[in-house]
Protein backbone atom coordinates (compact mmCIF):
# COMPACT_ATOMS: atom_id res chain seq x y z
CA MET A 1 18.55 56.48 245.75
CA MET A 2 20.83 54.40 243.52
CA SER A 3 22.96 56.33 241.25
CA LYS A 4 23.14 55.84 237.44
CA ILE A 5 26.64 55.99 236.09
CA ASP A 6 27.20 57.57 232.48
CA PHE A 7 29.93 56.37 231.09
CA LYS A 8 30.45 59.17 228.53
CA LYS A 9 30.94 61.11 231.53
CA SER A 10 32.98 59.25 234.03
CA LEU A 11 35.00 58.43 231.21
CA ARG A 12 34.89 61.60 229.27
CA HIS A 13 38.36 61.75 227.80
CA LEU A 14 37.38 57.94 225.92
CA TYR A 15 33.99 59.40 224.64
CA SER A 16 34.68 63.18 223.75
CA CYS A 17 37.41 64.54 222.05
CA SER A 18 38.22 67.65 219.59
CA THR A 19 36.75 67.97 216.05
CA LYS A 20 39.73 69.95 214.92
CA SER A 21 42.90 68.05 215.80
CA PHE A 22 44.13 64.83 216.71
CA GLU A 23 44.66 63.68 220.01
CA ILE A 24 46.60 60.96 221.71
CA VAL A 25 44.75 58.77 224.40
CA ASP A 26 45.86 55.96 226.42
CA VAL A 27 43.13 53.53 226.22
CA PRO A 28 42.94 50.96 229.35
CA VAL A 29 41.72 47.55 228.62
CA MET A 30 38.00 47.25 228.40
CA GLN A 31 35.44 44.41 228.09
CA PHE A 32 32.65 44.31 225.48
CA ILE A 33 30.08 42.48 224.23
CA GLN A 34 31.21 41.75 220.36
CA VAL A 35 29.82 40.33 217.42
CA ASP A 36 32.13 39.75 213.82
CA GLY A 37 30.65 39.82 210.50
CA PHE A 38 31.31 41.59 207.21
CA GLY A 39 29.66 43.66 204.44
CA SER A 40 27.81 46.81 204.41
CA PRO A 41 26.16 48.54 207.32
CA GLU A 42 23.11 48.09 205.39
CA SER A 43 23.44 44.23 205.48
CA ASP A 44 21.14 42.15 207.36
CA ALA A 45 24.16 40.40 209.07
CA TYR A 46 24.84 44.16 210.46
CA ARG A 47 21.62 44.58 211.71
CA ASN A 48 21.21 41.38 213.08
CA ALA A 49 24.58 42.06 215.31
CA LEU A 50 23.31 44.97 216.54
CA GLU A 51 19.95 43.59 217.55
CA TRP A 52 21.86 40.83 219.31
CA LEU A 53 24.29 43.58 221.37
CA TYR A 54 21.18 45.28 222.41
CA ALA A 55 19.41 42.75 223.29
CA THR A 56 22.04 41.04 225.39
CA SER A 57 23.34 44.31 226.99
CA TYR A 58 20.13 45.65 228.51
CA PRO A 59 19.23 42.50 230.65
CA ILE A 60 22.64 42.85 232.08
CA LYS A 61 22.25 46.17 233.08
CA PHE A 62 19.03 45.09 234.48
CA ILE A 63 20.50 42.20 236.41
CA CYS A 64 23.46 44.44 237.44
CA LYS A 65 20.80 46.69 238.93
CA LYS A 66 19.19 43.84 240.95
CA GLU A 67 22.02 41.71 241.97
CA PHE A 68 24.84 44.33 242.01
CA ASP A 69 23.03 47.40 242.99
CA ARG A 70 24.65 49.47 240.29
CA ASP A 71 23.02 51.17 237.39
CA TYR A 72 24.29 52.74 234.29
CA VAL A 73 23.63 53.90 230.96
CA ILE A 74 24.02 51.67 228.35
CA PRO A 75 27.19 52.92 226.66
CA PRO A 76 27.49 53.64 222.92
CA LEU A 77 27.99 51.26 219.94
CA GLU A 78 31.27 50.72 218.87
CA GLY A 79 32.94 49.12 215.92
CA LEU A 80 36.18 48.05 214.66
CA TRP A 81 36.71 48.01 210.60
CA TRP A 82 39.23 46.63 208.52
CA ALA A 83 39.70 44.58 204.96
CA ASP A 84 41.71 42.28 203.52
CA ASN A 85 42.62 45.40 201.11
CA MET A 86 42.18 48.82 203.38
CA ASP A 87 41.82 50.51 199.98
CA VAL A 88 38.00 49.51 199.71
CA PHE A 89 37.45 52.27 202.27
CA VAL A 90 38.36 54.86 200.19
CA SER A 91 36.82 53.30 197.02
CA GLY A 92 33.48 52.59 198.92
CA GLU A 93 33.26 48.67 198.45
CA ARG A 94 30.97 48.02 201.39
CA ASP A 95 30.49 44.58 200.74
CA SER A 96 34.11 43.82 201.25
CA TRP A 97 34.27 45.49 204.82
CA LYS A 98 34.76 43.48 207.33
CA TRP A 99 34.01 44.47 211.30
CA THR A 100 33.14 43.41 215.00
CA MET A 101 30.41 45.38 216.21
CA MET A 102 30.48 45.62 220.26
CA ILE A 103 28.72 47.57 223.36
CA MET A 104 31.22 48.23 226.36
CA GLN A 105 30.35 46.30 229.57
CA PRO A 106 31.28 47.74 233.13
CA ASP A 107 34.10 45.84 234.69
CA TRP A 108 31.87 44.38 237.25
CA VAL A 109 30.07 42.60 234.49
CA THR A 110 30.71 39.02 235.26
CA LEU A 111 30.83 36.20 232.80
CA GLU A 112 27.53 34.54 234.61
CA ALA A 113 26.00 37.96 234.42
CA TYR A 114 26.65 38.26 230.36
CA GLU A 115 25.47 34.29 229.92
CA ALA A 116 22.27 35.00 231.61
CA GLY A 117 21.74 38.42 229.80
CA LEU A 118 22.36 36.38 226.37
CA ASP A 119 20.10 33.41 227.57
CA LYS A 120 17.27 36.18 227.88
CA ALA A 121 18.28 37.73 224.51
CA SER A 122 18.26 34.35 222.96
CA LYS A 123 14.55 33.65 224.14
CA LYS A 124 13.27 36.80 222.16
CA LEU A 125 15.88 36.24 219.08
CA GLY A 126 16.66 32.83 218.69
CA SER A 127 19.64 30.74 218.27
CA ALA A 128 22.80 33.37 219.06
CA PRO A 129 25.27 34.21 216.58
CA ASP A 130 28.69 31.99 216.66
CA SER A 131 30.81 34.75 217.19
CA ILE A 132 28.95 36.70 220.12
CA ARG A 133 31.20 37.12 223.41
CA LEU A 134 31.88 38.92 226.15
CA GLU A 135 35.93 39.74 225.56
CA PHE A 136 38.39 42.03 226.82
CA LEU A 137 40.09 44.54 224.26
CA THR A 138 43.56 45.91 224.57
CA GLU A 139 44.30 49.04 222.48
CA GLY A 140 46.37 51.55 224.90
CA LYS A 141 48.16 54.30 222.96
CA SER A 142 45.58 55.69 220.46
CA VAL A 143 45.07 58.57 218.39
CA GLN A 144 41.81 60.26 217.75
CA ILE A 145 39.33 62.61 216.64
CA MET A 146 35.48 63.80 216.45
CA HIS A 147 34.01 63.56 213.17
CA VAL A 148 30.68 65.37 212.67
CA GLY A 149 28.59 64.66 209.80
CA PRO A 150 27.70 61.59 207.84
CA TYR A 151 29.62 58.56 208.03
CA SER A 152 30.31 58.54 204.07
CA ALA A 153 32.34 61.63 204.65
CA GLU A 154 34.95 60.06 207.27
CA ALA A 155 37.28 59.24 204.49
CA PRO A 156 39.44 62.59 204.21
CA THR A 157 39.78 62.47 207.97
CA ILE A 158 40.92 59.01 207.97
CA SER A 159 43.27 59.33 204.86
CA ARG A 160 44.97 62.32 206.90
CA LEU A 161 45.31 60.33 209.73
CA HIS A 162 47.27 57.68 208.15
CA LEU A 163 49.16 59.87 205.44
CA GLU A 164 49.77 62.86 207.39
CA TYR A 165 49.37 62.77 211.12
CA LEU A 166 51.24 59.15 211.75
CA PRO A 167 53.93 59.69 209.82
CA ALA A 168 54.61 63.26 210.78
CA ASN A 169 54.75 62.11 214.82
CA GLY A 170 56.98 58.73 214.05
CA LEU A 171 53.82 56.56 214.59
CA VAL A 172 52.11 53.55 213.12
CA GLU A 173 48.94 51.64 213.00
CA ASN A 174 48.64 49.14 215.99
CA GLY A 175 44.90 47.57 215.64
CA HIS A 176 42.11 47.99 213.63
CA HIS A 177 40.35 51.12 212.99
CA HIS A 178 37.76 52.16 215.78
CA GLU A 179 34.87 53.71 215.48
CA ILE A 180 32.53 55.08 218.56
CA TYR A 181 28.61 56.22 217.61
CA LEU A 182 27.73 58.80 219.84
CA GLY A 183 24.50 59.73 217.79
CA ASP A 184 21.61 57.95 216.50
CA PRO A 185 21.16 57.63 212.99
CA ARG A 186 17.40 56.90 213.22
CA ARG A 187 17.02 60.17 215.24
CA THR A 188 19.77 62.51 213.87
CA ALA A 189 20.52 64.41 210.77
CA PRO A 190 23.44 62.94 209.19
CA GLU A 191 25.17 66.25 209.39
CA LYS A 192 24.65 66.42 213.02
CA LEU A 193 26.01 62.56 213.61
CA LYS A 194 29.05 62.55 216.20
CA THR A 195 31.47 59.89 215.75
CA ILE A 196 35.10 59.12 217.45
CA LEU A 197 37.43 57.99 214.91
CA ARG A 198 39.97 56.05 217.06
CA GLN A 199 43.47 54.31 215.78
CA PRO A 200 45.69 52.36 218.00
CA VAL A 201 49.09 53.05 217.26
CA ARG A 202 52.93 52.52 218.60
CA ASP A 203 56.04 53.99 218.01
CA ALA A 204 57.34 53.40 214.33
């Protein structure tokens, strides 16, 4: 019987962490299906991006199972977030947010498998977004912590990371703010949602 890989378990150090203290992790180069956009997570553009990510990821999973004899659980949704003025994340000006939403793909997923998955998604959804792609992400040394609660309550922890932890440890940002969503907001109460907050860093 074919075993099914759950990357939340096999890569536990990347998909689980403390809720109480910041920790440093070395993130390897990983490949993701990515879609870029801007605006609120309630926007049509954001919902469309997620629809394309899942509509492409599931056919790839079935292709891997059939052609590569490898099965796995679809990894969690992840997002990179930034803005021209980062203060908008504290002030809540969500229409100014920029993002890249993404789902990790196992390293055995080829460009051909991705293109076949995208073709299947296109037959269902129509013309693909211009920005959708299979791309490697390099983050390396990063600081992360687990946030439990609604997404709207993340700001104090993010501020503590940037204004207290990084300066105290001689670190500076080295990439976009990264979130990993371990709960489904459609099925999980806001106060129980789990989100890894990650920030790539380098020595100051």
